[in-house]
Amino acid sequence: MQSLDPAELAELEARAGVVARTLLWVVARDRATGDPEPLGLWDGDDVQSFTIGSDERVYFGPALMPLPPIEGGVGLDVRMLRIPVPHLAPEVQQMLRGYDPRLAPVEIHRALFAAETRALLAPPRRIFKGWIEEAPIFTAAEGAEGSAELVLASAARALTRVLPLYRADADQRARASGDRFREYASTAGLRDVWWGERQVRGQDAAPVTRPGGSGLSPTEERERFGP
């Protein structure tokens, strides 16, 4: 349950009305360099800065359309949210075409303003956190109007990730060209290795006894014959 700031509560109790605005913050990737590119969009007029936590963020608008209700709940279910965006807005074009929005982290905040003065009543409150699952652009036929939307997945999506079972040498060298830790990872199970007096063959082949040996491992020899 969210608690209201005293200024917000007082404005609501006065029944003078409040103006609610939605703030969308996306950290997409530059398609050319891969660097993170933060971008703020909101359904208010012009450009405005908001303090979110300890960060000063700039939001461009009007660049959002009315959002569907965001439903919260208890549990670990992944919640999906579809946000329509005006695809002709230059900031939206930059996010969808100039940047790569796929799996970009996203936050949605709600800001309340006084109806008469348009003064911000309290710091914006976060109402959604997750990632962009899809960002389809619907190109319209001649004479019609196109559209675009963002399909968001809630933060519970992180719990569906699986651990990698195998990492190749090429993956390691892509991160650091001198990293040779997994140079022989692909052939590790195919090499013959001597373990004491016994040779362990690749592909689980039968062990081979070194000439003159007992055919037992050092541990087995100590257990049978003593130190």
Protein backbone atom coordinates (compact mmCIF):
# COMPACT_ATOMS: atom_id res chain seq x y z
CA MET A 1 0.00 0.00 0.00
CA GLN A 2 1.37 3.37 -0.99
CA SER A 3 1.34 6.32 1.41
CA LEU A 4 0.56 9.85 0.24
CA ASP A 5 2.69 12.89 0.88
CA PRO A 6 1.04 15.40 3.27
CA ALA A 7 0.77 17.99 0.48
CA GLU A 8 -0.94 15.45 -1.79
CA LEU A 9 -3.30 14.39 0.97
CA ALA A 10 -4.21 17.99 1.79
CA GLU A 11 -4.94 18.78 -1.86
CA LEU A 12 -7.14 15.71 -2.19
CA GLU A 13 -9.02 16.51 1.03
CA ALA A 14 -9.66 20.04 -0.22
CA ARG A 15 -11.51 18.53 -3.17
CA ALA A 16 -10.08 21.19 -5.47
CA GLY A 17 -8.86 18.51 -7.85
CA VAL A 18 -5.39 17.41 -8.87
CA VAL A 19 -3.69 16.90 -12.22
CA ALA A 20 -1.98 13.52 -12.62
CA ARG A 21 0.85 13.09 -15.11
CA THR A 22 2.70 9.95 -16.16
CA LEU A 23 6.48 9.84 -16.52
CA LEU A 24 8.22 7.12 -18.53
CA TRP A 25 11.98 6.58 -18.19
CA VAL A 26 13.76 4.25 -20.62
CA VAL A 27 17.46 3.32 -20.83
CA ALA A 28 17.81 1.98 -24.37
CA ARG A 29 21.00 1.11 -26.29
CA ASP A 30 22.62 3.07 -29.07
CA ARG A 31 22.41 0.88 -32.16
CA ALA A 32 25.86 1.95 -33.36
CA THR A 33 27.93 1.91 -30.16
CA GLY A 34 25.86 -0.20 -27.76
CA ASP A 35 26.11 2.51 -25.08
CA PRO A 36 23.11 3.07 -22.77
CA GLU A 37 21.00 6.06 -23.78
CA PRO A 38 18.49 7.28 -21.16
CA LEU A 39 15.36 9.04 -22.39
CA GLY A 40 12.40 10.47 -20.50
CA LEU A 41 8.89 10.86 -21.91
CA TRP A 42 5.75 12.20 -20.25
CA ASP A 43 2.21 13.29 -21.10
CA GLY A 44 2.72 16.87 -19.93
CA ASP A 45 3.50 19.94 -21.98
CA ASP A 46 6.98 20.81 -23.22
CA VAL A 47 10.18 19.72 -21.44
CA GLN A 48 10.45 19.51 -17.67
CA SER A 49 12.98 18.22 -15.14
CA PHE A 50 12.03 16.04 -12.20
CA THR A 51 14.10 14.78 -9.28
CA ILE A 52 13.77 11.00 -9.04
CA GLY A 53 15.58 9.75 -5.98
CA SER A 54 18.90 11.58 -6.18
CA ASP A 55 18.88 11.93 -9.99
CA GLU A 56 17.76 14.90 -12.04
CA ARG A 57 15.88 13.57 -15.06
CA VAL A 58 14.61 15.44 -18.10
CA TYR A 59 11.28 14.39 -19.64
CA PHE A 60 10.04 15.40 -23.08
CA GLY A 61 6.40 15.90 -23.85
CA PRO A 62 3.75 15.55 -24.86
CA ALA A 63 5.03 12.10 -25.85
CA LEU A 64 2.67 9.70 -24.08
CA MET A 65 -0.94 8.76 -24.54
CA PRO A 66 -3.34 7.80 -21.71
CA LEU A 67 -2.12 4.64 -19.99
CA PRO A 68 -4.29 1.64 -19.19
CA PRO A 69 -4.78 0.90 -15.49
CA ILE A 70 -1.69 -0.53 -13.83
CA GLU A 71 -2.76 -3.31 -11.50
CA GLY A 72 -0.57 -4.37 -8.62
CA GLY A 73 -0.75 -7.54 -6.60
CA VAL A 74 1.01 -9.98 -4.33
CA GLY A 75 3.03 -12.76 -5.95
CA LEU A 76 5.73 -13.43 -8.49
CA ASP A 77 3.64 -13.37 -11.65
CA VAL A 78 5.09 -11.45 -14.60
CA ARG A 79 2.65 -8.64 -15.39
CA MET A 80 2.45 -7.24 -18.91
CA LEU A 81 1.51 -3.68 -19.76
CA ARG A 82 0.84 -2.16 -23.18
CA ILE A 83 1.49 1.57 -23.56
CA PRO A 84 0.38 3.36 -26.74
CA VAL A 85 2.83 6.05 -27.85
CA PRO A 86 2.47 8.76 -30.51
CA HIS A 87 4.85 7.36 -33.11
CA LEU A 88 5.30 10.72 -34.87
CA ALA A 89 6.71 12.47 -31.79
CA PRO A 90 10.44 13.05 -32.45
CA GLU A 91 11.50 11.67 -29.06
CA VAL A 92 9.47 8.51 -29.61
CA GLN A 93 11.00 8.12 -33.06
CA GLN A 94 14.45 8.42 -31.53
CA MET A 95 13.67 5.76 -28.94
CA LEU A 96 12.11 3.29 -31.39
CA ARG A 97 14.31 3.79 -34.43
CA GLY A 98 17.45 5.59 -33.32
CA TYR A 99 17.96 3.40 -30.26
CA ASP A 100 17.41 -0.29 -29.63
CA PRO A 101 14.59 -0.51 -27.04
CA ARG A 102 14.56 -4.32 -26.84
CA LEU A 103 14.90 -5.40 -23.15
CA ALA A 104 15.63 -1.81 -22.11
CA PRO A 105 15.02 -1.10 -18.40
CA VAL A 106 11.96 1.08 -17.86
CA GLU A 107 10.35 2.92 -14.95
CA ILE A 108 6.97 4.62 -14.76
CA HIS A 109 6.29 7.35 -12.20
CA ARG A 110 3.12 9.23 -11.35
CA ALA A 111 3.34 12.95 -10.55
CA LEU A 112 0.48 14.95 -8.99
CA PHE A 113 0.10 18.69 -9.57
CA ALA A 114 -2.23 21.22 -7.97
CA ALA A 115 -5.16 21.93 -10.27
CA GLU A 116 -5.06 25.73 -9.84
CA THR A 117 -1.33 26.49 -9.64
CA ARG A 118 0.06 23.46 -11.54
CA ALA A 119 2.67 23.16 -8.78
CA LEU A 120 4.17 19.73 -8.16
CA LEU A 121 2.77 18.48 -4.88
CA ALA A 122 5.40 15.83 -4.08
CA PRO A 123 8.26 13.94 -5.73
CA PRO A 124 6.97 11.57 -8.43
CA ARG A 125 6.06 8.13 -7.13
CA ARG A 126 7.12 4.98 -8.97
CA ILE A 127 4.23 2.78 -10.03
CA PHE A 128 5.95 0.33 -12.39
CA LYS A 129 9.41 -1.11 -12.99
CA GLY A 130 10.47 -3.63 -15.60
CA TRP A 131 11.73 -4.04 -19.16
CA ILE A 132 10.53 -3.40 -22.68
CA GLU A 133 9.48 -6.75 -24.10
CA GLU A 134 8.49 -5.46 -27.55
CA ALA A 135 8.16 -2.14 -29.34
CA PRO A 136 6.06 -2.75 -32.46
CA ILE A 137 5.45 0.03 -34.98
CA PHE A 138 2.30 -0.27 -37.07
CA THR A 139 2.73 1.42 -40.44
CA ALA A 140 -0.57 2.65 -41.80
CA ALA A 141 -1.78 2.49 -45.36
CA GLU A 142 -1.88 5.63 -47.47
CA GLY A 143 -4.30 8.12 -46.00
CA ALA A 144 -4.58 6.27 -42.68
CA GLU A 145 -2.88 6.91 -39.35
CA GLY A 146 -0.14 4.66 -38.00
CA SER A 147 0.60 3.84 -34.39
CA ALA A 148 3.20 2.40 -32.05
CA GLU A 149 3.23 0.89 -28.59
CA LEU A 150 5.52 -0.43 -25.91
CA VAL A 151 4.90 -3.87 -24.44
CA LEU A 152 6.36 -3.90 -20.94
CA ALA A 153 7.13 -6.83 -18.64
CA SER A 154 7.29 -6.27 -14.89
CA ALA A 155 10.44 -6.73 -12.82
CA ALA A 156 9.36 -10.30 -11.98
CA ARG A 157 10.67 -11.20 -15.45
CA ALA A 158 14.17 -11.35 -13.88
CA LEU A 159 13.11 -14.47 -11.96
CA THR A 160 12.54 -16.36 -15.21
CA ARG A 161 16.15 -16.14 -16.35
CA VAL A 162 18.07 -19.40 -16.50
CA LEU A 163 21.73 -19.91 -15.72
CA PRO A 164 24.01 -20.55 -18.70
CA LEU A 165 25.10 -24.19 -18.79
CA TYR A 166 28.05 -23.65 -21.08
CA ARG A 167 30.30 -20.75 -22.01
CA ALA A 168 32.48 -21.05 -25.07
CA ASP A 169 36.03 -19.87 -25.55
CA ALA A 170 34.76 -17.45 -28.20
CA ASP A 171 32.46 -15.82 -25.64
CA GLN A 172 35.34 -15.29 -23.23
CA ARG A 173 37.57 -13.77 -25.90
CA ALA A 174 34.78 -11.50 -27.07
CA ARG A 175 34.90 -9.90 -23.64
CA ALA A 176 38.71 -9.90 -23.37
CA SER A 177 40.95 -10.99 -26.23
CA GLY A 178 43.63 -12.32 -23.87
CA ASP A 179 41.26 -14.42 -21.77
CA ARG A 180 42.23 -18.06 -22.48
CA PHE A 181 40.60 -19.62 -19.42
CA ARG A 182 38.20 -21.70 -21.54
CA GLU A 183 40.53 -22.32 -24.45
CA TYR A 184 40.14 -26.11 -24.18
CA ALA A 185 36.57 -26.16 -22.82
CA SER A 186 35.13 -27.74 -25.96
CA THR A 187 37.62 -30.65 -25.89
CA ALA A 188 38.04 -31.13 -22.15
CA GLY A 189 35.99 -34.33 -22.14
CA LEU A 190 37.95 -35.80 -25.05
CA ARG A 191 41.45 -35.64 -23.56
CA ASP A 192 43.20 -38.54 -21.79
CA VAL A 193 44.37 -37.68 -18.28
CA TRP A 194 46.58 -39.73 -15.94
CA TRP A 195 45.27 -39.96 -12.38
CA GLY A 196 47.87 -41.70 -10.29
CA GLU A 197 48.44 -45.11 -11.90
CA ARG A 198 45.25 -45.03 -13.90
CA GLN A 199 44.49 -43.19 -17.09
CA VAL A 200 41.00 -41.69 -17.43
CA ARG A 201 40.03 -41.77 -21.07
CA GLY A 202 37.86 -39.24 -22.83
CA GLN A 203 34.18 -40.04 -23.46
CA ASP A 204 34.06 -42.23 -20.32
CA ALA A 205 36.15 -44.97 -21.92
CA ALA A 206 37.46 -47.77 -19.76
CA PRO A 207 40.50 -46.77 -17.64
CA VAL A 208 43.96 -47.88 -18.74
CA THR A 209 46.59 -49.03 -16.23
CA ARG A 210 50.04 -47.51 -16.48
CA PRO A 211 52.71 -50.22 -17.00
CA GLY A 212 53.94 -51.57 -13.68
CA GLY A 213 51.06 -50.04 -11.77
CA SER A 214 48.38 -51.67 -9.70
CA GLY A 215 45.55 -50.13 -11.65
CA LEU A 216 44.32 -48.34 -8.53
CA SER A 217 44.16 -44.63 -7.86
CA PRO A 218 46.44 -43.24 -5.08
CA THR A 219 43.44 -43.00 -2.76
CA GLU A 220 42.43 -46.60 -3.45
CA GLU A 221 46.03 -47.76 -2.93
CA ARG A 222 46.25 -46.05 0.48
CA GLU A 223 42.91 -47.56 1.52
CA ARG A 224 44.02 -51.07 0.49
CA PHE A 225 47.74 -51.11 1.32
CA GLY A 226 48.07 -48.28 3.84
CA PRO A 227 50.21 -45.09 3.55
